Amino acid sequence: MPVKKPTTKRTRKSTTRPAATVRARKTSTATGPWLVAVNAGLEKKASDVRVLDLRPVTTFADYMIVCSGSNPRQIQTIADEVELKLKAVGERPKSVEGYQNAEWILMDYGDYVVNIFSQKARAYYDLERLWQDAPVVALPESTLAL
């Protein structure tokens, strides 16, 4: 009887790649619950939506969604809609920070995080520059039509 080789489970490396090997570039369109969050934000008129693929550069999350709202009420509305739509597909946030002030709401879903900024806070914190080594995910055309 042949001896069966044990299979090894692939795990992510805990180190990051050097900046020279990964540049901000668009990756192919993907799907997942984070796309539900993107659509929910767009339904409530979130502006300048970006999705960063964090898998090549860190292990704390797979995707980061960054978007903006024009005022505190809209920022809270976007967060409410994201939470509602994700709850409908069985996703619940591990934590939500900044909801009361509504300058920067951070919603942590484990595999992905949603950042909803005011224009001023987004310019100040500039997460896209901070995570410039993370590839930008190309959103499907159907998402962009909302």
C-alpha atoms as a PDB file:
ATOM      1  CA  MET A   1       0.000   0.000   0.000  1.00  0.00           C
ATOM      2  CA  PRO A   2       1.504   3.385  -1.002  1.00  0.00           C
ATOM      3  CA  VAL A   3       2.352   5.807   1.776  1.00  0.00           C
ATOM      4  CA  LYS A   4       0.266   8.960   1.626  1.00  0.00           C
ATOM      5  CA  LYS A   5       2.216  12.187   1.923  1.00  0.00           C
ATOM      6  CA  PRO A   6       0.934  14.526   4.629  1.00  0.00           C
ATOM      7  CA  THR A   7      -0.439  17.770   3.257  1.00  0.00           C
ATOM      8  CA  THR A   8       0.818  21.020   4.649  1.00  0.00           C
ATOM      9  CA  LYS A   9      -1.417  23.974   5.255  1.00  0.00           C
ATOM     10  CA  ARG A  10      -0.256  27.161   3.581  1.00  0.00           C
ATOM     11  CA  THR A  11       0.024  30.128   5.885  1.00  0.00           C
ATOM     12  CA  ARG A  12       0.834  33.743   5.254  1.00  0.00           C
ATOM     13  CA  LYS A  13       4.281  34.986   6.057  1.00  0.00           C
ATOM     14  CA  SER A  14       4.440  37.337   8.993  1.00  0.00           C
ATOM     15  CA  THR A  15       6.980  39.604   7.338  1.00  0.00           C
ATOM     16  CA  THR A  16       6.235  42.242   4.766  1.00  0.00           C
ATOM     17  CA  ARG A  17       7.735  42.417   1.335  1.00  0.00           C
ATOM     18  CA  PRO A  18      10.268  45.134   0.634  1.00  0.00           C
ATOM     19  CA  ALA A  19       8.739  48.286  -0.845  1.00  0.00           C
ATOM     20  CA  ALA A  20      10.744  47.813  -4.030  1.00  0.00           C
ATOM     21  CA  THR A  21       8.970  44.554  -4.899  1.00  0.00           C
ATOM     22  CA  VAL A  22       5.382  45.780  -4.522  1.00  0.00           C
ATOM     23  CA  ARG A  23       4.140  49.059  -5.938  1.00  0.00           C
ATOM     24  CA  ALA A  24       0.648  50.532  -5.904  1.00  0.00           C
ATOM     25  CA  ARG A  25      -0.912  48.817  -8.877  1.00  0.00           C
ATOM     26  CA  LYS A  26      -4.316  47.567  -9.825  1.00  0.00           C
ATOM     27  CA  THR A  27      -5.065  43.930  -9.213  1.00  0.00           C
ATOM     28  CA  SER A  28      -7.694  41.920 -10.980  1.00  0.00           C
ATOM     29  CA  THR A  29     -11.281  42.273  -9.862  1.00  0.00           C
ATOM     30  CA  ALA A  30     -12.169  40.011  -6.950  1.00  0.00           C
ATOM     31  CA  THR A  31     -15.317  39.186  -5.054  1.00  0.00           C
ATOM     32  CA  GLY A  32     -16.176  38.776  -1.412  1.00  0.00           C
ATOM     33  CA  PRO A  33     -18.116  40.328   1.431  1.00  0.00           C
ATOM     34  CA  TRP A  34     -15.964  43.452   1.204  1.00  0.00           C
ATOM     35  CA  LEU A  35     -17.656  44.092  -2.157  1.00  0.00           C
ATOM     36  CA  VAL A  36     -21.019  44.188  -0.342  1.00  0.00           C
ATOM     37  CA  ALA A  37     -19.539  46.949   1.851  1.00  0.00           C
ATOM     38  CA  VAL A  38     -18.367  48.872  -1.216  1.00  0.00           C
ATOM     39  CA  ASN A  39     -21.811  48.645  -2.834  1.00  0.00           C
ATOM     40  CA  ALA A  40     -23.513  49.736   0.406  1.00  0.00           C
ATOM     41  CA  GLY A  41     -21.268  52.788   0.613  1.00  0.00           C
ATOM     42  CA  LEU A  42     -21.897  53.687  -3.009  1.00  0.00           C
ATOM     43  CA  GLU A  43     -25.658  53.365  -2.479  1.00  0.00           C
ATOM     44  CA  LYS A  44     -25.362  56.106   0.145  1.00  0.00           C
ATOM     45  CA  LYS A  45     -23.219  58.265  -2.157  1.00  0.00           C
ATOM     46  CA  ALA A  46     -19.800  57.595  -0.626  1.00  0.00           C
ATOM     47  CA  SER A  47     -17.180  59.385  -2.686  1.00  0.00           C
ATOM     48  CA  ASP A  48     -13.671  58.481  -3.831  1.00  0.00           C
ATOM     49  CA  VAL A  49     -14.012  54.774  -2.951  1.00  0.00           C
ATOM     50  CA  ARG A  50     -10.746  52.813  -2.986  1.00  0.00           C
ATOM     51  CA  VAL A  51     -10.094  49.189  -2.098  1.00  0.00           C
ATOM     52  CA  LEU A  52      -6.542  48.214  -1.205  1.00  0.00           C
ATOM     53  CA  ASP A  53      -5.367  44.605  -1.319  1.00  0.00           C
ATOM     54  CA  LEU A  54      -3.316  44.289   1.873  1.00  0.00           C
ATOM     55  CA  ARG A  55      -2.414  40.614   1.458  1.00  0.00           C
ATOM     56  CA  PRO A  56       1.010  41.250  -0.136  1.00  0.00           C
ATOM     57  CA  VAL A  57       2.071  43.788   2.508  1.00  0.00           C
ATOM     58  CA  THR A  58       0.598  42.790   5.878  1.00  0.00           C
ATOM     59  CA  THR A  59      -1.266  40.066   7.743  1.00  0.00           C
ATOM     60  CA  PHE A  60      -3.743  42.012   9.896  1.00  0.00           C
ATOM     61  CA  ALA A  61      -6.390  42.147   7.142  1.00  0.00           C
ATOM     62  CA  ASP A  62      -6.851  41.156   3.503  1.00  0.00           C
ATOM     63  CA  TYR A  63      -8.581  44.298   2.213  1.00  0.00           C
ATOM     64  CA  MET A  64      -8.965  47.918   3.250  1.00  0.00           C
ATOM     65  CA  ILE A  65     -11.872  49.989   1.970  1.00  0.00           C
ATOM     66  CA  VAL A  66     -11.414  53.744   2.101  1.00  0.00           C
ATOM     67  CA  CYS A  67     -14.181  56.187   1.207  1.00  0.00           C
ATOM     68  CA  SER A  68     -15.439  59.662   2.078  1.00  0.00           C
ATOM     69  CA  GLY A  69     -18.657  61.353   3.070  1.00  0.00           C
ATOM     70  CA  SER A  70     -19.444  65.056   2.830  1.00  0.00           C
ATOM     71  CA  ASN A  71     -20.755  65.626   6.378  1.00  0.00           C
ATOM     72  CA  PRO A  72     -21.101  63.763   9.711  1.00  0.00           C
ATOM     73  CA  ARG A  73     -24.676  62.681   9.042  1.00  0.00           C
ATOM     74  CA  GLN A  74     -23.769  61.172   5.656  1.00  0.00           C
ATOM     75  CA  ILE A  75     -20.696  59.458   7.150  1.00  0.00           C
ATOM     76  CA  GLN A  76     -22.895  57.824   9.805  1.00  0.00           C
ATOM     77  CA  THR A  77     -25.478  56.886   7.161  1.00  0.00           C
ATOM     78  CA  ILE A  78     -22.790  55.184   5.068  1.00  0.00           C
ATOM     79  CA  ALA A  79     -21.598  53.259   8.152  1.00  0.00           C
ATOM     80  CA  ASP A  80     -25.178  52.246   9.009  1.00  0.00           C
ATOM     81  CA  GLU A  81     -25.811  50.983   5.479  1.00  0.00           C
ATOM     82  CA  VAL A  82     -22.528  49.054   5.376  1.00  0.00           C
ATOM     83  CA  GLU A  83     -23.371  47.375   8.680  1.00  0.00           C
ATOM     84  CA  LEU A  84     -26.947  46.618   7.588  1.00  0.00           C
ATOM     85  CA  LYS A  85     -25.965  45.090   4.219  1.00  0.00           C
ATOM     86  CA  LEU A  86     -23.142  43.026   5.714  1.00  0.00           C
ATOM     87  CA  LYS A  87     -25.392  41.791   8.511  1.00  0.00           C
ATOM     88  CA  ALA A  88     -27.799  40.551   5.816  1.00  0.00           C
ATOM     89  CA  VAL A  89     -25.024  38.307   4.448  1.00  0.00           C
ATOM     90  CA  GLY A  90     -23.955  37.089   7.888  1.00  0.00           C
ATOM     91  CA  GLU A  91     -21.065  39.462   8.539  1.00  0.00           C
ATOM     92  CA  ARG A  92     -20.832  41.369  11.826  1.00  0.00           C
ATOM     93  CA  PRO A  93     -18.149  43.891  12.784  1.00  0.00           C
ATOM     94  CA  LYS A  94     -15.608  42.939  15.412  1.00  0.00           C
ATOM     95  CA  SER A  95     -15.469  46.607  16.399  1.00  0.00           C
ATOM     96  CA  VAL A  96     -16.634  50.032  15.246  1.00  0.00           C
ATOM     97  CA  GLU A  97     -14.701  53.151  16.223  1.00  0.00           C
ATOM     98  CA  GLY A  98     -15.438  56.847  15.731  1.00  0.00           C
ATOM     99  CA  TYR A  99     -19.172  56.639  15.058  1.00  0.00           C
ATOM    100  CA  GLN A 100     -20.148  59.466  17.451  1.00  0.00           C
ATOM    101  CA  ASN A 101     -17.696  62.052  16.071  1.00  0.00           C
ATOM    102  CA  ALA A 102     -18.121  60.863  12.471  1.00  0.00           C
ATOM    103  CA  GLU A 103     -14.830  62.306  11.254  1.00  0.00           C
ATOM    104  CA  TRP A 104     -13.361  58.851  10.689  1.00  0.00           C
ATOM    105  CA  ILE A 105     -15.393  55.712  11.260  1.00  0.00           C
ATOM    106  CA  LEU A 106     -13.385  52.495  11.324  1.00  0.00           C
ATOM    107  CA  MET A 107     -15.320  49.238  10.982  1.00  0.00           C
ATOM    108  CA  ASP A 108     -13.239  46.108  11.571  1.00  0.00           C
ATOM    109  CA  TYR A 109     -14.619  42.908  10.049  1.00  0.00           C
ATOM    110  CA  GLY A 110     -11.485  40.814  10.597  1.00  0.00           C
ATOM    111  CA  ASP A 111     -10.544  39.964   7.014  1.00  0.00           C
ATOM    112  CA  TYR A 112     -11.283  43.500   5.843  1.00  0.00           C
ATOM    113  CA  VAL A 113     -11.648  46.962   7.350  1.00  0.00           C
ATOM    114  CA  VAL A 114     -13.892  49.814   6.235  1.00  0.00           C
ATOM    115  CA  ASN A 115     -12.692  53.405   6.715  1.00  0.00           C
ATOM    116  CA  ILE A 116     -15.237  56.183   6.195  1.00  0.00           C
ATOM    117  CA  PHE A 117     -13.695  59.653   6.365  1.00  0.00           C
ATOM    118  CA  SER A 118     -14.675  63.282   6.214  1.00  0.00           C
ATOM    119  CA  GLN A 119     -12.769  65.032   3.414  1.00  0.00           C
ATOM    120  CA  LYS A 120     -10.603  66.885   5.942  1.00  0.00           C
ATOM    121  CA  ALA A 121      -9.713  63.774   7.982  1.00  0.00           C
ATOM    122  CA  ARG A 122      -8.972  61.753   4.843  1.00  0.00           C
ATOM    123  CA  ALA A 123      -6.539  64.380   3.602  1.00  0.00           C
ATOM    124  CA  TYR A 124      -4.894  64.587   7.034  1.00  0.00           C
ATOM    125  CA  TYR A 125      -4.423  60.835   7.629  1.00  0.00           C
ATOM    126  CA  ASP A 126      -3.801  60.000   3.948  1.00  0.00           C
ATOM    127  CA  LEU A 127      -4.081  56.208   4.285  1.00  0.00           C
ATOM    128  CA  GLU A 128      -3.516  55.699   0.575  1.00  0.00           C
ATOM    129  CA  ARG A 129      -0.037  57.206   0.934  1.00  0.00           C
ATOM    130  CA  LEU A 130       0.625  55.237   4.115  1.00  0.00           C
ATOM    131  CA  TRP A 131      -0.362  51.980   2.349  1.00  0.00           C
ATOM    132  CA  GLN A 132       1.074  52.935  -1.053  1.00  0.00           C
ATOM    133  CA  ASP A 133       2.698  49.516  -1.430  1.00  0.00           C
ATOM    134  CA  ALA A 134      -0.703  47.805  -1.371  1.00  0.00           C
ATOM    135  CA  PRO A 135      -2.210  47.137  -4.802  1.00  0.00           C
ATOM    136  CA  VAL A 136      -5.472  48.932  -5.612  1.00  0.00           C
ATOM    137  CA  VAL A 137      -8.305  46.509  -6.424  1.00  0.00           C
ATOM    138  CA  ALA A 138     -10.151  47.229  -9.674  1.00  0.00           C
ATOM    139  CA  LEU A 139     -13.864  47.446  -8.898  1.00  0.00           C
ATOM    140  CA  PRO A 140     -16.350  45.719 -11.204  1.00  0.00           C
ATOM    141  CA  GLU A 141     -18.158  47.928 -13.714  1.00  0.00           C
ATOM    142  CA  SER A 142     -21.523  47.088 -12.104  1.00  0.00           C
ATOM    143  CA  THR A 143     -20.251  48.578  -8.828  1.00  0.00           C
ATOM    144  CA  LEU A 144     -19.073  51.772 -10.472  1.00  0.00           C
ATOM    145  CA  ALA A 145     -22.472  52.326 -12.112  1.00  0.00           C
ATOM    146  CA  LEU A 146     -24.202  52.938  -8.739  1.00  0.00           C
END
